[in-house]
N, C-alpha and C. Protein backbone atom coordinates (compact mmCIF):
# COMPACT_ATOMS: atom_id res chain seq x y z
N MET A 1 0.84 148.06 -44.59
CA MET A 1 -0.12 147.15 -43.99
C MET A 1 -0.31 147.54 -42.52
N THR A 2 -1.54 147.59 -42.08
CA THR A 2 -1.83 147.94 -40.70
C THR A 2 -1.62 146.73 -39.80
N ALA A 3 -1.49 146.99 -38.49
CA ALA A 3 -1.34 145.90 -37.53
C ALA A 3 -2.55 144.98 -37.56
N GLU A 4 -3.73 145.57 -37.76
CA GLU A 4 -4.95 144.76 -37.81
C GLU A 4 -4.94 143.83 -39.01
N SER A 5 -4.57 144.34 -40.17
CA SER A 5 -4.56 143.47 -41.35
C SER A 5 -3.45 142.44 -41.25
N ALA A 6 -2.31 142.79 -40.64
CA ALA A 6 -1.25 141.81 -40.42
C ALA A 6 -1.76 140.70 -39.50
N ALA A 7 -2.43 141.08 -38.44
CA ALA A 7 -2.98 140.09 -37.51
C ALA A 7 -3.99 139.19 -38.22
N GLU A 8 -4.83 139.77 -39.07
CA GLU A 8 -5.82 138.98 -39.80
C GLU A 8 -5.15 138.00 -40.77
N GLN A 9 -4.15 138.46 -41.49
CA GLN A 9 -3.45 137.59 -42.44
C GLN A 9 -2.71 136.47 -41.72
N ILE A 10 -2.05 136.81 -40.63
CA ILE A 10 -1.32 135.81 -39.85
C ILE A 10 -2.30 134.81 -39.26
N GLY A 11 -3.38 135.29 -38.67
CA GLY A 11 -4.39 134.40 -38.09
C GLY A 11 -4.99 133.47 -39.12
N ARG A 12 -5.28 133.99 -40.29
CA ARG A 12 -5.85 133.16 -41.36
C ARG A 12 -4.89 132.03 -41.73
N LEU A 13 -3.62 132.34 -41.89
CA LEU A 13 -2.64 131.33 -42.27
C LEU A 13 -2.43 130.31 -41.15
N VAL A 14 -2.27 130.78 -39.92
CA VAL A 14 -2.05 129.87 -38.78
C VAL A 14 -3.24 128.93 -38.60
N ARG A 15 -4.45 129.44 -38.75
CA ARG A 15 -5.64 128.61 -38.56
C ARG A 15 -5.87 127.65 -39.73
N ALA A 16 -5.39 128.01 -40.91
CA ALA A 16 -5.60 127.17 -42.10
C ALA A 16 -4.61 126.00 -42.17
N GLN A 17 -3.45 126.16 -41.61
CA GLN A 17 -2.41 125.14 -41.75
C GLN A 17 -2.29 124.32 -40.46
N PRO A 18 -2.50 123.02 -40.54
CA PRO A 18 -2.45 122.19 -39.33
C PRO A 18 -1.05 121.83 -38.85
N TYR A 19 -0.03 122.06 -39.69
CA TYR A 19 1.33 121.66 -39.34
C TYR A 19 2.28 122.83 -39.51
N GLY A 20 3.40 122.72 -38.83
CA GLY A 20 4.46 123.71 -38.96
C GLY A 20 5.79 123.05 -38.74
N VAL A 21 6.85 123.81 -38.95
CA VAL A 21 8.20 123.32 -38.70
C VAL A 21 8.71 124.01 -37.44
N LEU A 22 9.00 123.21 -36.43
CA LEU A 22 9.57 123.70 -35.18
C LEU A 22 11.08 123.81 -35.37
N CYS A 23 11.63 124.98 -35.10
CA CYS A 23 13.06 125.21 -35.26
C CYS A 23 13.69 125.33 -33.87
N THR A 24 14.63 124.43 -33.61
CA THR A 24 15.34 124.41 -32.34
C THR A 24 16.83 124.53 -32.65
N GLN A 25 17.64 124.53 -31.59
CA GLN A 25 19.08 124.61 -31.80
C GLN A 25 19.81 123.90 -30.66
N SER A 26 21.01 123.46 -30.98
CA SER A 26 21.87 122.85 -29.98
C SER A 26 23.31 122.99 -30.46
N GLU A 27 24.16 123.44 -29.56
CA GLU A 27 25.58 123.61 -29.90
C GLU A 27 25.74 124.42 -31.18
N ALA A 28 24.97 125.49 -31.30
CA ALA A 28 25.01 126.42 -32.42
C ALA A 28 24.59 125.79 -33.75
N GLN A 29 23.91 124.65 -33.70
CA GLN A 29 23.42 124.00 -34.90
C GLN A 29 21.89 124.03 -34.91
N PRO A 30 21.28 124.46 -36.01
CA PRO A 30 19.81 124.47 -36.09
C PRO A 30 19.27 123.09 -36.39
N TYR A 31 18.00 122.90 -36.04
CA TYR A 31 17.33 121.63 -36.28
C TYR A 31 15.86 121.93 -36.53
N GLY A 32 15.27 121.31 -37.54
CA GLY A 32 13.86 121.52 -37.85
C GLY A 32 13.08 120.24 -37.70
N SER A 33 11.86 120.34 -37.17
CA SER A 33 10.99 119.18 -36.95
C SER A 33 9.57 119.54 -37.33
N LEU A 34 8.92 118.64 -38.04
CA LEU A 34 7.52 118.84 -38.38
C LEU A 34 6.67 118.55 -37.15
N VAL A 35 5.72 119.43 -36.84
CA VAL A 35 4.82 119.24 -35.70
C VAL A 35 3.39 119.57 -36.09
N ALA A 36 2.45 118.89 -35.47
CA ALA A 36 1.03 119.23 -35.57
C ALA A 36 0.78 120.33 -34.55
N LEU A 37 0.13 121.39 -34.97
CA LEU A 37 -0.02 122.59 -34.15
C LEU A 37 -1.46 122.95 -33.86
N ALA A 38 -1.63 123.70 -32.79
CA ALA A 38 -2.87 124.41 -32.50
C ALA A 38 -2.46 125.76 -31.93
N ALA A 39 -3.32 126.76 -32.11
CA ALA A 39 -3.04 128.10 -31.62
C ALA A 39 -4.22 128.62 -30.82
N THR A 40 -3.92 129.47 -29.85
CA THR A 40 -5.00 130.15 -29.13
C THR A 40 -5.65 131.15 -30.07
N GLU A 41 -6.85 131.56 -29.75
CA GLU A 41 -7.59 132.50 -30.60
C GLU A 41 -6.81 133.80 -30.80
N ASP A 42 -6.13 134.27 -29.76
CA ASP A 42 -5.38 135.53 -29.87
C ASP A 42 -3.97 135.35 -30.43
N LEU A 43 -3.63 134.13 -30.79
CA LEU A 43 -2.34 133.78 -31.42
C LEU A 43 -1.13 133.99 -30.53
N THR A 44 -1.32 134.15 -29.24
CA THR A 44 -0.19 134.34 -28.34
C THR A 44 0.47 133.02 -27.94
N THR A 45 -0.19 131.90 -28.21
CA THR A 45 0.34 130.60 -27.81
C THR A 45 0.12 129.57 -28.89
N LEU A 46 1.17 128.80 -29.18
CA LEU A 46 1.09 127.64 -30.06
C LEU A 46 1.34 126.41 -29.21
N VAL A 47 0.71 125.28 -29.56
CA VAL A 47 0.81 124.06 -28.78
C VAL A 47 1.15 122.89 -29.70
N PHE A 48 2.03 122.01 -29.24
CA PHE A 48 2.37 120.79 -29.97
C PHE A 48 2.82 119.73 -28.97
N SER A 49 2.90 118.49 -29.44
CA SER A 49 3.32 117.37 -28.60
C SER A 49 4.46 116.64 -29.29
N THR A 50 5.30 115.98 -28.50
CA THR A 50 6.42 115.22 -29.04
C THR A 50 6.75 114.06 -28.09
N PRO A 51 7.21 112.95 -28.63
CA PRO A 51 7.68 111.87 -27.74
C PRO A 51 8.88 112.35 -26.92
N ILE A 52 8.99 111.87 -25.71
CA ILE A 52 10.09 112.32 -24.84
C ILE A 52 11.42 111.65 -25.19
N THR A 53 11.39 110.65 -26.05
CA THR A 53 12.63 109.95 -26.43
C THR A 53 13.26 110.53 -27.69
N THR A 54 12.83 111.70 -28.12
CA THR A 54 13.32 112.26 -29.38
C THR A 54 14.37 113.35 -29.18
N ARG A 55 15.10 113.61 -30.25
CA ARG A 55 16.05 114.73 -30.26
C ARG A 55 15.29 116.04 -30.05
N LYS A 56 14.12 116.14 -30.65
CA LYS A 56 13.30 117.35 -30.52
C LYS A 56 13.05 117.66 -29.04
N TYR A 57 12.66 116.67 -28.27
CA TYR A 57 12.40 116.87 -26.84
C TYR A 57 13.69 117.32 -26.13
N ARG A 58 14.78 116.63 -26.41
CA ARG A 58 16.05 116.97 -25.76
C ARG A 58 16.46 118.41 -26.08
N LEU A 59 16.32 118.79 -27.34
CA LEU A 59 16.69 120.16 -27.72
C LEU A 59 15.80 121.21 -27.07
N LEU A 60 14.51 120.90 -26.92
CA LEU A 60 13.59 121.83 -26.25
C LEU A 60 13.96 122.01 -24.78
N VAL A 61 14.39 120.93 -24.15
CA VAL A 61 14.80 121.01 -22.75
C VAL A 61 16.10 121.80 -22.61
N GLU A 62 17.01 121.63 -23.57
CA GLU A 62 18.29 122.33 -23.54
C GLU A 62 18.16 123.83 -23.81
N CYS A 63 17.27 124.20 -24.74
CA CYS A 63 17.13 125.60 -25.13
C CYS A 63 15.67 125.87 -25.47
N ALA A 64 15.04 126.71 -24.70
CA ALA A 64 13.61 126.98 -24.86
C ALA A 64 13.30 127.98 -25.98
N GLN A 65 14.30 128.68 -26.48
CA GLN A 65 14.06 129.67 -27.55
C GLN A 65 13.83 128.92 -28.86
N VAL A 66 12.67 129.15 -29.46
CA VAL A 66 12.30 128.42 -30.68
C VAL A 66 11.68 129.36 -31.70
N ALA A 67 11.57 128.84 -32.91
CA ALA A 67 10.79 129.48 -33.96
C ALA A 67 9.90 128.39 -34.54
N VAL A 68 8.74 128.78 -35.01
CA VAL A 68 7.83 127.86 -35.69
C VAL A 68 7.47 128.50 -37.02
N VAL A 69 7.70 127.77 -38.10
CA VAL A 69 7.42 128.26 -39.45
C VAL A 69 6.16 127.56 -39.96
N ILE A 70 5.21 128.35 -40.41
CA ILE A 70 3.95 127.85 -40.96
C ILE A 70 3.80 128.48 -42.33
N ASP A 71 3.53 127.65 -43.35
CA ASP A 71 3.43 128.22 -44.69
C ASP A 71 2.29 127.60 -45.49
N SER A 72 2.04 128.19 -46.65
CA SER A 72 0.92 127.75 -47.49
C SER A 72 1.39 127.04 -48.75
N ARG A 73 2.57 126.46 -48.73
CA ARG A 73 3.10 125.81 -49.94
C ARG A 73 2.16 124.81 -50.56
N SER A 74 1.52 123.99 -49.76
CA SER A 74 0.65 122.95 -50.31
C SER A 74 -0.56 123.55 -51.02
N GLY A 75 -0.92 124.77 -50.68
CA GLY A 75 -2.06 125.42 -51.31
C GLY A 75 -1.73 126.08 -52.64
N ALA A 76 -0.47 126.28 -52.93
CA ALA A 76 -0.09 126.97 -54.17
C ALA A 76 1.25 126.45 -54.68
N PRO A 77 1.35 125.15 -55.01
CA PRO A 77 2.66 124.61 -55.37
C PRO A 77 3.27 125.20 -56.64
N ASP A 78 2.47 125.70 -57.56
CA ASP A 78 3.00 126.25 -58.80
C ASP A 78 3.04 127.77 -58.83
N GLU A 79 2.66 128.38 -57.74
CA GLU A 79 2.57 129.85 -57.70
C GLU A 79 3.42 130.40 -56.57
N LEU A 80 4.73 130.45 -56.80
CA LEU A 80 5.65 130.90 -55.76
C LEU A 80 5.27 132.26 -55.19
N MET A 81 4.80 133.16 -56.03
CA MET A 81 4.46 134.50 -55.56
C MET A 81 3.19 134.51 -54.71
N GLU A 82 2.45 133.40 -54.69
CA GLU A 82 1.22 133.30 -53.89
C GLU A 82 1.48 132.65 -52.52
N VAL A 83 2.64 132.04 -52.35
CA VAL A 83 2.96 131.36 -51.09
C VAL A 83 3.17 132.39 -50.00
N GLU A 84 2.59 132.12 -48.84
CA GLU A 84 2.79 132.96 -47.65
C GLU A 84 3.48 132.11 -46.59
N ALA A 85 4.23 132.76 -45.73
CA ALA A 85 4.85 132.07 -44.61
C ALA A 85 4.81 132.97 -43.39
N VAL A 86 4.71 132.33 -42.25
CA VAL A 86 4.74 133.02 -40.97
C VAL A 86 5.80 132.33 -40.12
N THR A 87 6.64 133.12 -39.50
CA THR A 87 7.58 132.60 -38.51
C THR A 87 7.18 133.20 -37.17
N ALA A 88 6.87 132.33 -36.23
CA ALA A 88 6.56 132.75 -34.86
C ALA A 88 7.80 132.48 -34.01
N THR A 89 8.25 133.47 -33.28
CA THR A 89 9.38 133.27 -32.38
C THR A 89 8.88 133.36 -30.94
N GLY A 90 9.52 132.60 -30.08
CA GLY A 90 9.11 132.63 -28.68
C GLY A 90 9.84 131.61 -27.84
N ARG A 91 9.22 131.30 -26.72
CA ARG A 91 9.82 130.42 -25.73
C ARG A 91 8.90 129.22 -25.52
N ALA A 92 9.46 128.01 -25.65
CA ALA A 92 8.70 126.78 -25.45
C ALA A 92 8.82 126.33 -23.99
N GLU A 93 7.70 125.89 -23.45
CA GLU A 93 7.68 125.40 -22.07
C GLU A 93 6.80 124.17 -22.02
N GLN A 94 7.29 123.15 -21.32
CA GLN A 94 6.51 121.91 -21.21
C GLN A 94 5.34 122.12 -20.27
N ALA A 95 4.16 121.67 -20.70
CA ALA A 95 2.97 121.75 -19.86
C ALA A 95 3.03 120.61 -18.84
N LEU A 96 2.88 120.94 -17.60
CA LEU A 96 2.97 119.95 -16.53
C LEU A 96 1.63 119.26 -16.31
N PRO A 97 1.64 118.04 -15.78
CA PRO A 97 0.38 117.33 -15.53
C PRO A 97 -0.55 118.16 -14.64
N GLY A 98 -1.84 118.02 -14.89
CA GLY A 98 -2.83 118.76 -14.12
C GLY A 98 -3.65 119.65 -15.03
N ALA A 99 -4.18 120.71 -14.45
CA ALA A 99 -5.09 121.60 -15.18
C ALA A 99 -4.40 122.26 -16.37
N GLU A 100 -3.14 122.66 -16.21
CA GLU A 100 -2.42 123.29 -17.31
C GLU A 100 -2.31 122.32 -18.49
N PHE A 101 -1.91 121.09 -18.21
CA PHE A 101 -1.79 120.09 -19.27
C PHE A 101 -3.13 119.86 -19.94
N GLU A 102 -4.17 119.71 -19.17
CA GLU A 102 -5.50 119.43 -19.72
C GLU A 102 -5.98 120.56 -20.63
N ARG A 103 -5.71 121.78 -20.22
CA ARG A 103 -6.13 122.93 -21.04
C ARG A 103 -5.43 122.91 -22.40
N TRP A 104 -4.10 122.78 -22.39
CA TRP A 104 -3.35 122.82 -23.64
C TRP A 104 -3.57 121.56 -24.47
N ALA A 105 -3.69 120.42 -23.83
CA ALA A 105 -3.98 119.18 -24.57
C ALA A 105 -5.35 119.29 -25.24
N GLY A 106 -6.32 119.87 -24.56
CA GLY A 106 -7.65 120.05 -25.13
C GLY A 106 -7.61 120.90 -26.39
N LEU A 107 -6.80 121.94 -26.38
CA LEU A 107 -6.66 122.81 -27.55
C LEU A 107 -6.07 122.04 -28.73
N LEU A 108 -5.01 121.28 -28.46
CA LEU A 108 -4.35 120.52 -29.53
C LEU A 108 -5.24 119.39 -30.05
N ILE A 109 -5.91 118.69 -29.15
CA ILE A 109 -6.77 117.58 -29.55
C ILE A 109 -8.01 118.09 -30.30
N ALA A 110 -8.51 119.25 -29.94
CA ALA A 110 -9.65 119.81 -30.68
C ALA A 110 -9.26 120.07 -32.14
N ARG A 111 -8.03 120.44 -32.38
CA ARG A 111 -7.55 120.70 -33.75
C ARG A 111 -7.16 119.41 -34.46
N HIS A 112 -6.65 118.44 -33.68
CA HIS A 112 -6.15 117.17 -34.24
C HIS A 112 -6.72 116.01 -33.43
N PRO A 113 -8.01 115.71 -33.56
CA PRO A 113 -8.63 114.64 -32.74
C PRO A 113 -7.95 113.28 -32.89
N HIS A 114 -7.40 113.01 -34.05
CA HIS A 114 -6.72 111.74 -34.31
C HIS A 114 -5.44 111.57 -33.49
N LEU A 115 -4.95 112.64 -32.86
CA LEU A 115 -3.74 112.58 -32.05
C LEU A 115 -4.01 112.46 -30.56
N ALA A 116 -5.25 112.25 -30.16
CA ALA A 116 -5.60 112.22 -28.74
C ALA A 116 -4.76 111.21 -27.96
N GLY A 117 -4.64 109.99 -28.46
CA GLY A 117 -3.86 108.97 -27.76
C GLY A 117 -2.40 109.35 -27.65
N PHE A 118 -1.85 109.91 -28.71
CA PHE A 118 -0.45 110.34 -28.72
C PHE A 118 -0.21 111.47 -27.72
N VAL A 119 -1.07 112.47 -27.74
CA VAL A 119 -0.92 113.64 -26.87
C VAL A 119 -1.00 113.23 -25.40
N GLN A 120 -1.90 112.30 -25.08
CA GLN A 120 -2.12 111.91 -23.69
C GLN A 120 -1.24 110.76 -23.22
N ALA A 121 -0.42 110.20 -24.09
CA ALA A 121 0.45 109.08 -23.71
C ALA A 121 1.52 109.54 -22.73
N GLU A 122 1.87 108.66 -21.80
CA GLU A 122 2.94 108.97 -20.84
C GLU A 122 4.28 109.15 -21.53
N SER A 123 4.43 108.61 -22.72
CA SER A 123 5.68 108.71 -23.46
C SER A 123 5.78 110.00 -24.27
N SER A 124 4.77 110.86 -24.18
CA SER A 124 4.77 112.13 -24.91
C SER A 124 4.82 113.31 -23.95
N ALA A 125 5.35 114.41 -24.46
CA ALA A 125 5.36 115.68 -23.72
C ALA A 125 4.57 116.70 -24.52
N LEU A 126 3.92 117.59 -23.82
CA LEU A 126 3.14 118.65 -24.45
C LEU A 126 3.85 119.97 -24.19
N PHE A 127 4.07 120.74 -25.26
CA PHE A 127 4.74 122.03 -25.13
C PHE A 127 3.84 123.14 -25.61
N ARG A 128 3.97 124.28 -24.97
CA ARG A 128 3.31 125.49 -25.44
C ARG A 128 4.40 126.50 -25.73
N VAL A 129 4.22 127.24 -26.80
CA VAL A 129 5.16 128.29 -27.17
C VAL A 129 4.50 129.63 -26.90
N ALA A 130 5.09 130.39 -26.00
CA ALA A 130 4.63 131.75 -25.74
C ALA A 130 5.21 132.62 -26.86
N VAL A 131 4.38 133.01 -27.80
CA VAL A 131 4.84 133.73 -28.98
C VAL A 131 5.17 135.18 -28.63
N VAL A 132 6.37 135.59 -29.01
CA VAL A 132 6.82 136.97 -28.79
C VAL A 132 6.46 137.83 -30.00
N ARG A 133 6.69 137.27 -31.20
CA ARG A 133 6.37 138.02 -32.42
C ARG A 133 6.21 137.07 -33.59
N TYR A 134 5.54 137.59 -34.60
CA TYR A 134 5.37 136.88 -35.86
C TYR A 134 6.01 137.71 -36.96
N PHE A 135 6.57 137.01 -37.94
CA PHE A 135 7.03 137.63 -39.18
C PHE A 135 6.24 137.00 -40.30
N HIS A 136 5.51 137.82 -41.04
CA HIS A 136 4.69 137.33 -42.15
C HIS A 136 5.36 137.72 -43.46
N VAL A 137 5.58 136.73 -44.32
CA VAL A 137 6.20 136.98 -45.62
C VAL A 137 5.19 136.63 -46.70
N SER A 138 4.97 137.57 -47.60
CA SER A 138 4.09 137.32 -48.74
C SER A 138 4.79 137.83 -50.00
N ARG A 139 4.30 137.37 -51.14
CA ARG A 139 4.87 137.74 -52.44
C ARG A 139 6.38 137.54 -52.46
N PHE A 140 6.84 136.56 -51.70
CA PHE A 140 8.22 136.11 -51.67
C PHE A 140 9.20 137.10 -51.05
N GLN A 141 8.77 138.34 -50.77
CA GLN A 141 9.73 139.30 -50.25
C GLN A 141 9.14 140.37 -49.34
N GLU A 142 7.84 140.46 -49.23
CA GLU A 142 7.24 141.48 -48.38
C GLU A 142 7.11 140.93 -46.96
N VAL A 143 7.81 141.56 -46.03
CA VAL A 143 7.87 141.08 -44.65
C VAL A 143 7.23 142.09 -43.71
N VAL A 144 6.34 141.59 -42.86
CA VAL A 144 5.68 142.42 -41.85
C VAL A 144 5.86 141.74 -40.50
N GLN A 145 6.23 142.52 -39.50
CA GLN A 145 6.33 142.01 -38.14
C GLN A 145 5.07 142.38 -37.38
N TRP A 146 4.58 141.44 -36.55
CA TRP A 146 3.40 141.70 -35.72
C TRP A 146 3.62 141.07 -34.35
N VAL A 147 3.35 141.82 -33.30
CA VAL A 147 3.46 141.34 -31.93
C VAL A 147 2.05 141.12 -31.38
N PRO A 148 1.70 139.87 -31.06
CA PRO A 148 0.35 139.61 -30.57
C PRO A 148 0.16 140.15 -29.15
N VAL A 149 -1.06 140.59 -28.88
CA VAL A 149 -1.41 141.10 -27.56
C VAL A 149 -2.31 140.06 -26.91
N PRO A 150 -1.92 139.58 -25.73
CA PRO A 150 -2.74 138.54 -25.08
C PRO A 150 -4.14 139.02 -24.73
N ALA A 151 -5.10 138.17 -25.01
CA ALA A 151 -6.46 138.41 -24.51
C ALA A 151 -6.44 138.12 -23.02
N THR A 152 -7.34 138.63 -22.27
CA THR A 152 -7.29 138.46 -20.83
C THR A 152 -7.40 137.00 -20.40
N SER A 153 -7.96 136.13 -21.24
CA SER A 153 -8.16 134.74 -20.83
C SER A 153 -7.28 133.75 -21.56
N SER A 154 -6.26 134.20 -22.32
CA SER A 154 -5.49 133.28 -23.14
C SER A 154 -4.39 132.54 -22.39
N ARG A 155 -3.92 133.03 -21.30
CA ARG A 155 -2.78 132.36 -20.63
C ARG A 155 -3.16 131.80 -19.30
């Protein structure tokens, strides 16, 4: 598989699935959380929001290294060999109030308009994940790694 086709397959899956599992860790223990996601066009950044009173928030503050798993299970529940999954690895950083927050909140709200109040609430934090690489798994065992290249206007 070429890098271009890997990028196309990963982009198709990331854009088709509105949710993913955020994987964090603390004291050498993994933790998974369902999050509503949005991605930049070049796939270099994923964005999500979380209440600041959650374990998820605390773990993100403690350790910024994360993985996000996005899959197509709901699209093919009886066809295991048709399920695809993408794992994005990278570093999560909280978006600070101001222009940075507005930019990333706009991206997330455009994908999930019903979450506008939640994303903009003072009790919520907005995080962006600077993606280092993606691992795409298809046919239950074929794995391809792809490193996204930032577009000049994505960050």
